[in-house]
Amino acid sequence: MNNNNFNELSNRSLDSCLISILVFPIKFYYKPNDLQTMEKELYIFFSCNIRGVRKYLTTVIADDLIKTSDWYNLLLSLKNRGINVLLYAVIPNNEKLSKALKLVFNEVNIYISFSEIINKINKYYTETYSRNFYEVIKKIYISHNINDFNIAYNDFCEEFVNYDFIMELLENDFKRVKNYYNTDYEIRRFIFSLYFYRDTFKTISVISHSKKYFNSLDEFINELIPTIQRIESRMFCTKNELMNIINKLYINYKDLIKSYL
């Protein structure tokens, strides 16, 4: 993609009504202006609009956004590009980003991504085991009801009963997840989008390791563009699934979303 299209991507108007945003945290190696190579954390933002289409929003070097006001200004810039309504956000465990989201989009419901748990566990287990572990975590996050959650959680506890450090490491994460069961199962399943997250994260991880280092953030985003094009050209749910989700959202957020349907 040429520079004109890259600039268009970075400055295009955004959808007015978003069901959700999903933030991918990823590590990459960064060497600006021939300085020392540094490992940085990127946050890559994708949205899902009211028609169920996923679109790229932006990519930032999270390590460089130090204060709540930094995140506030970033989100305000997205709002100024057209976003009026944001119902849900699935983000890393970043308190400053969370506060800024509430300031810019008062109606937003914020959830901590399941990547928090996966990333903690991946430090201690092989890639093969981690793939199996993903299915365990999926059941904990999107079981049908709180009883099924308790079964999935107890299964996890039995598996790691001899690993006190694992249980303590994830204790607060599981407390948060339990609170998410106040949200309807199908909406929870839709906004967490675990398979979309898993597959997209794999692709982004490959891109982040495709070079020894990147000279700029723009260079990384240019490598990301083919992935963005693929994501934006397809649906990740059926029309019936989307209609069901919109109907549930309409019941809870009629005044917010009616004019966008």
Protein backbone atom coordinates (compact mmCIF):
# COMPACT_ATOMS: atom_id res chain seq x y z
CA MET A 1 0.00 0.00 0.00
CA ASN A 2 1.42 3.40 -0.92
CA ASN A 3 1.92 6.37 1.39
CA ASN A 4 -1.27 8.09 0.24
CA ASN A 5 -3.33 5.07 1.28
CA PHE A 6 -1.38 4.83 4.53
CA ASN A 7 -2.19 8.46 5.33
CA GLU A 8 -5.80 7.84 4.42
CA LEU A 9 -5.93 4.93 6.85
CA SER A 10 -4.49 7.08 9.64
CA ASN A 11 -6.88 9.98 9.10
CA ARG A 12 -10.08 8.49 7.68
CA SER A 13 -13.45 9.18 9.24
CA LEU A 14 -14.56 6.55 11.76
CA ASP A 15 -17.95 4.92 12.34
CA SER A 16 -20.30 6.95 14.52
CA CYS A 17 -21.66 4.04 16.56
CA LEU A 18 -19.39 1.24 17.77
CA ILE A 19 -20.53 -1.89 19.54
CA SER A 20 -17.01 -2.45 20.82
CA ILE A 21 -13.31 -1.91 20.56
CA LEU A 22 -10.75 -4.66 21.07
CA VAL A 23 -7.16 -3.78 21.94
CA PHE A 24 -4.27 -6.09 21.08
CA PRO A 25 -1.11 -5.63 23.20
CA ILE A 26 2.01 -6.79 21.36
CA LYS A 27 5.76 -6.45 21.90
CA PHE A 28 8.02 -5.23 19.13
CA TYR A 29 11.63 -4.09 18.77
CA TYR A 30 12.06 -0.43 18.00
CA LYS A 31 15.19 1.45 16.88
CA PRO A 32 14.38 5.07 16.02
CA ASN A 33 17.04 7.34 14.49
CA ASP A 34 19.83 4.78 14.88
CA LEU A 35 19.44 4.76 18.64
CA GLN A 36 19.71 1.65 20.80
CA THR A 37 17.16 -1.08 20.01
CA MET A 38 14.36 -1.11 22.57
CA GLU A 39 11.53 -3.51 23.29
CA LYS A 40 8.26 -1.59 23.28
CA GLU A 41 4.65 -2.53 23.82
CA LEU A 42 2.16 -1.62 21.12
CA TYR A 43 -1.59 -1.33 21.52
CA ILE A 44 -3.44 -2.05 18.27
CA PHE A 45 -7.08 -0.91 18.31
CA PHE A 46 -9.81 -2.59 16.25
CA SER A 47 -13.48 -1.67 16.39
CA CYS A 48 -16.76 -3.40 15.61
CA ASN A 49 -19.45 -1.11 14.23
CA ILE A 50 -23.21 -1.47 14.51
CA ARG A 51 -23.25 -3.48 11.25
CA GLY A 52 -20.85 -6.05 12.69
CA VAL A 53 -17.90 -4.94 10.55
CA ARG A 54 -14.51 -4.84 12.22
CA LYS A 55 -12.29 -1.90 11.35
CA TYR A 56 -8.84 -0.72 12.31
CA LEU A 57 -8.70 2.38 14.50
CA THR A 58 -5.10 3.10 15.43
CA THR A 59 -1.80 1.76 16.75
CA VAL A 60 0.18 3.44 19.54
CA ILE A 61 3.33 2.75 21.53
CA ALA A 62 1.68 2.18 24.89
CA ASP A 63 4.92 2.69 26.82
CA ASP A 64 5.02 6.30 25.63
CA LEU A 65 1.56 7.17 26.96
CA ILE A 66 2.40 7.79 30.58
CA LYS A 67 -0.52 9.78 32.01
CA THR A 68 -4.29 9.49 31.88
CA SER A 69 -4.28 12.74 29.91
CA ASP A 70 -2.12 11.09 27.22
CA TRP A 71 -4.74 8.38 26.72
CA TYR A 72 -7.52 10.96 26.96
CA ASN A 73 -6.01 12.97 24.11
CA LEU A 74 -5.61 9.83 22.00
CA LEU A 75 -9.23 8.78 22.53
CA LEU A 76 -10.46 12.32 21.98
CA SER A 77 -8.67 12.34 18.62
CA LEU A 78 -10.59 9.16 17.69
CA LYS A 79 -13.83 10.76 18.82
CA ASN A 80 -13.09 13.82 16.72
CA ARG A 81 -12.75 11.51 13.71
CA GLY A 82 -16.38 10.54 14.09
CA ILE A 83 -17.04 8.16 17.00
CA ASN A 84 -20.10 9.28 18.96
CA VAL A 85 -21.12 6.09 20.77
CA LEU A 86 -18.96 3.28 22.18
CA LEU A 87 -20.75 0.59 24.16
CA TYR A 88 -17.97 -1.86 25.11
CA ALA A 89 -14.19 -1.92 25.30
CA VAL A 90 -12.01 -5.00 25.85
CA ILE A 91 -8.58 -3.75 26.82
CA PRO A 92 -5.37 -4.73 28.63
CA ASN A 93 -5.28 -4.13 32.37
CA ASN A 94 -4.33 -0.46 32.01
CA GLU A 95 -5.88 1.79 34.65
CA LYS A 96 -5.01 5.04 32.86
CA LEU A 97 -6.54 3.88 29.59
CA SER A 98 -9.62 2.69 31.46
CA LYS A 99 -10.06 6.08 33.17
CA ALA A 100 -9.61 7.92 29.89
CA LEU A 101 -12.22 5.73 28.18
CA LYS A 102 -14.77 6.62 30.83
CA LEU A 103 -14.00 10.32 30.45
CA VAL A 104 -14.35 10.35 26.67
CA PHE A 105 -17.17 7.78 26.29
CA ASN A 106 -19.37 7.98 29.37
CA GLU A 107 -21.58 5.04 28.37
CA VAL A 108 -18.75 2.54 27.76
CA ASN A 109 -18.57 -0.78 29.63
CA ILE A 110 -14.95 -1.82 30.15
CA TYR A 111 -13.67 -5.41 30.33
CA ILE A 112 -10.13 -6.64 30.83
CA SER A 113 -8.99 -8.86 27.99
CA PHE A 114 -8.40 -12.57 28.51
CA SER A 115 -4.90 -11.90 27.12
CA GLU A 116 -3.92 -10.81 30.64
CA ILE A 117 -4.29 -14.39 31.85
CA ILE A 118 -2.85 -16.00 28.72
CA ASN A 119 0.26 -13.80 28.80
CA LYS A 120 0.92 -14.63 32.44
CA ILE A 121 0.62 -18.36 31.86
CA ASN A 122 2.66 -18.37 28.65
CA LYS A 123 5.77 -17.50 30.67
CA TYR A 124 5.71 -20.93 32.31
CA TYR A 125 4.38 -23.38 29.73
CA THR A 126 5.19 -24.66 26.26
CA GLU A 127 3.39 -23.35 23.20
CA THR A 128 1.55 -26.67 22.79
CA TYR A 129 0.24 -26.55 26.33
CA SER A 130 -0.70 -22.90 25.96
CA ARG A 131 -2.97 -23.78 23.03
CA ASN A 132 -4.83 -26.25 25.26
CA PHE A 133 -4.89 -23.71 28.05
CA TYR A 134 -6.65 -21.26 25.74
CA GLU A 135 -9.69 -23.56 25.66
CA VAL A 136 -9.75 -23.69 29.46
CA ILE A 137 -9.70 -19.90 29.70
CA LYS A 138 -12.37 -19.64 27.02
CA LYS A 139 -14.76 -21.64 29.23
CA ILE A 140 -14.00 -19.39 32.20
CA TYR A 141 -14.74 -16.21 30.24
CA ILE A 142 -17.75 -17.23 28.16
CA SER A 143 -19.58 -20.05 29.88
CA HIS A 144 -23.35 -19.74 29.52
CA ASN A 145 -23.99 -18.82 33.13
CA ILE A 146 -22.38 -18.40 36.52
CA ASN A 147 -22.86 -22.08 37.40
CA ASP A 148 -20.93 -23.15 34.31
CA PHE A 149 -18.29 -20.56 35.18
CA ASN A 150 -17.91 -22.10 38.64
CA ILE A 151 -17.48 -25.56 37.09
CA ALA A 152 -14.83 -24.28 34.67
CA TYR A 153 -13.08 -22.39 37.46
CA ASN A 154 -13.09 -25.44 39.74
CA ASP A 155 -11.63 -27.56 36.93
CA PHE A 156 -8.85 -25.01 36.58
CA CYS A 157 -8.21 -25.04 40.34
CA GLU A 158 -8.00 -28.84 40.39
CA GLU A 159 -5.45 -28.82 37.59
CA PHE A 160 -3.23 -26.29 39.33
CA VAL A 161 -3.91 -27.28 42.93
CA ASN A 162 -0.20 -27.93 43.54
CA TYR A 163 0.91 -24.60 42.05
CA ASP A 164 0.15 -21.93 44.62
CA PHE A 165 1.96 -19.25 42.65
CA ILE A 166 -0.32 -19.79 39.63
CA MET A 167 -3.45 -19.47 41.74
CA GLU A 168 -2.20 -16.30 43.43
CA LEU A 169 -0.99 -14.88 40.13
CA LEU A 170 -4.46 -15.16 38.59
CA GLU A 171 -6.65 -14.61 41.64
CA ASN A 172 -7.64 -11.01 40.82
CA ASP A 173 -8.18 -11.86 37.16
CA PHE A 174 -10.72 -14.52 38.01
CA LYS A 175 -12.52 -12.22 40.45
CA ARG A 176 -12.95 -9.70 37.63
CA VAL A 177 -14.20 -12.35 35.19
CA LYS A 178 -16.86 -13.51 37.65
CA ASN A 179 -18.30 -9.98 37.64
CA TYR A 180 -18.64 -10.11 33.86
CA TYR A 181 -21.40 -12.70 34.24
CA ASN A 182 -23.82 -9.86 34.86
CA THR A 183 -23.61 -9.39 31.07
CA ASP A 184 -25.76 -11.49 28.73
CA TYR A 185 -23.94 -14.59 27.43
CA GLU A 186 -24.30 -13.78 23.73
CA ILE A 187 -23.21 -10.17 24.16
CA ARG A 188 -20.25 -11.31 26.26
CA ARG A 189 -19.32 -13.86 23.61
CA PHE A 190 -19.61 -11.24 20.87
CA ILE A 191 -17.53 -8.51 22.50
CA PHE A 192 -14.73 -10.81 23.72
CA SER A 193 -14.56 -12.39 20.22
CA LEU A 194 -12.05 -14.96 21.45
CA TYR A 195 -11.46 -16.70 18.13
CA PHE A 196 -11.08 -13.41 16.26
CA TYR A 197 -8.69 -12.25 18.97
CA ARG A 198 -6.67 -15.46 18.92
CA ASP A 199 -6.27 -15.61 15.15
CA THR A 200 -5.54 -11.90 14.74
CA PHE A 201 -3.07 -11.94 17.59
CA LYS A 202 -1.15 -14.79 15.94
CA THR A 203 -0.90 -12.81 12.70
CA ILE A 204 0.20 -9.64 14.45
CA SER A 205 2.80 -11.58 16.44
CA VAL A 206 4.32 -12.89 13.21
CA ILE A 207 4.50 -9.35 11.83
CA SER A 208 6.12 -8.02 15.00
CA HIS A 209 8.90 -10.63 14.65
CA SER A 210 9.27 -10.35 10.89
CA LYS A 211 12.17 -7.91 11.25
CA LYS A 212 15.07 -7.57 13.62
CA TYR A 213 13.68 -4.17 14.56
CA PHE A 214 11.42 -1.41 13.21
CA ASN A 215 12.72 2.10 12.61
CA SER A 216 9.37 3.74 13.27
CA LEU A 217 5.80 3.04 14.26
CA ASP A 218 4.70 3.92 10.71
CA GLU A 219 6.97 1.18 9.37
CA PHE A 220 5.23 -1.38 11.57
CA ILE A 221 1.75 -0.16 10.57
CA ASN A 222 2.70 -0.45 6.89
CA GLU A 223 3.47 -4.13 7.51
CA LEU A 224 0.08 -4.45 9.22
CA ILE A 225 -1.95 -3.03 6.33
CA PRO A 226 -2.58 -6.34 4.45
CA THR A 227 -3.96 -7.81 7.68
CA ILE A 228 -6.18 -4.76 8.15
CA GLN A 229 -7.48 -5.14 4.60
CA ARG A 230 -8.35 -8.80 5.17
CA ILE A 231 -10.13 -8.06 8.44
CA GLU A 232 -12.17 -5.21 7.00
CA SER A 233 -13.29 -7.19 3.95
CA ARG A 234 -15.12 -9.99 5.79
CA MET A 235 -17.72 -10.62 8.47
CA PHE A 236 -16.91 -12.52 11.65
CA CYS A 237 -20.48 -13.50 12.49
CA THR A 238 -23.63 -14.50 10.63
CA LYS A 239 -26.43 -12.05 9.91
CA ASN A 240 -28.70 -13.93 12.32
CA GLU A 241 -26.10 -13.66 15.09
CA LEU A 242 -25.70 -9.94 14.44
CA MET A 243 -29.46 -9.33 14.40
CA ASN A 244 -29.76 -11.11 17.73
CA ILE A 245 -26.97 -9.00 19.23
CA ILE A 246 -28.44 -5.74 17.93
CA ASN A 247 -31.85 -6.67 19.33
CA LYS A 248 -30.33 -7.28 22.78
CA LEU A 249 -28.38 -4.02 22.58
CA TYR A 250 -31.51 -2.17 21.48
CA ILE A 251 -33.32 -3.27 24.63
CA ASN A 252 -30.54 -1.86 26.84
CA TYR A 253 -29.30 1.10 24.75
CA LYS A 254 -32.29 2.17 22.67
CA ASP A 255 -31.74 5.91 23.14
CA LEU A 256 -28.06 5.63 22.24
CA ILE A 257 -28.22 3.45 19.14
CA LYS A 258 -31.68 3.96 17.61
CA SER A 259 -30.61 6.77 15.28
CA TYR A 260 -27.72 4.66 13.90
CA LEU A 261 -29.79 1.61 12.91
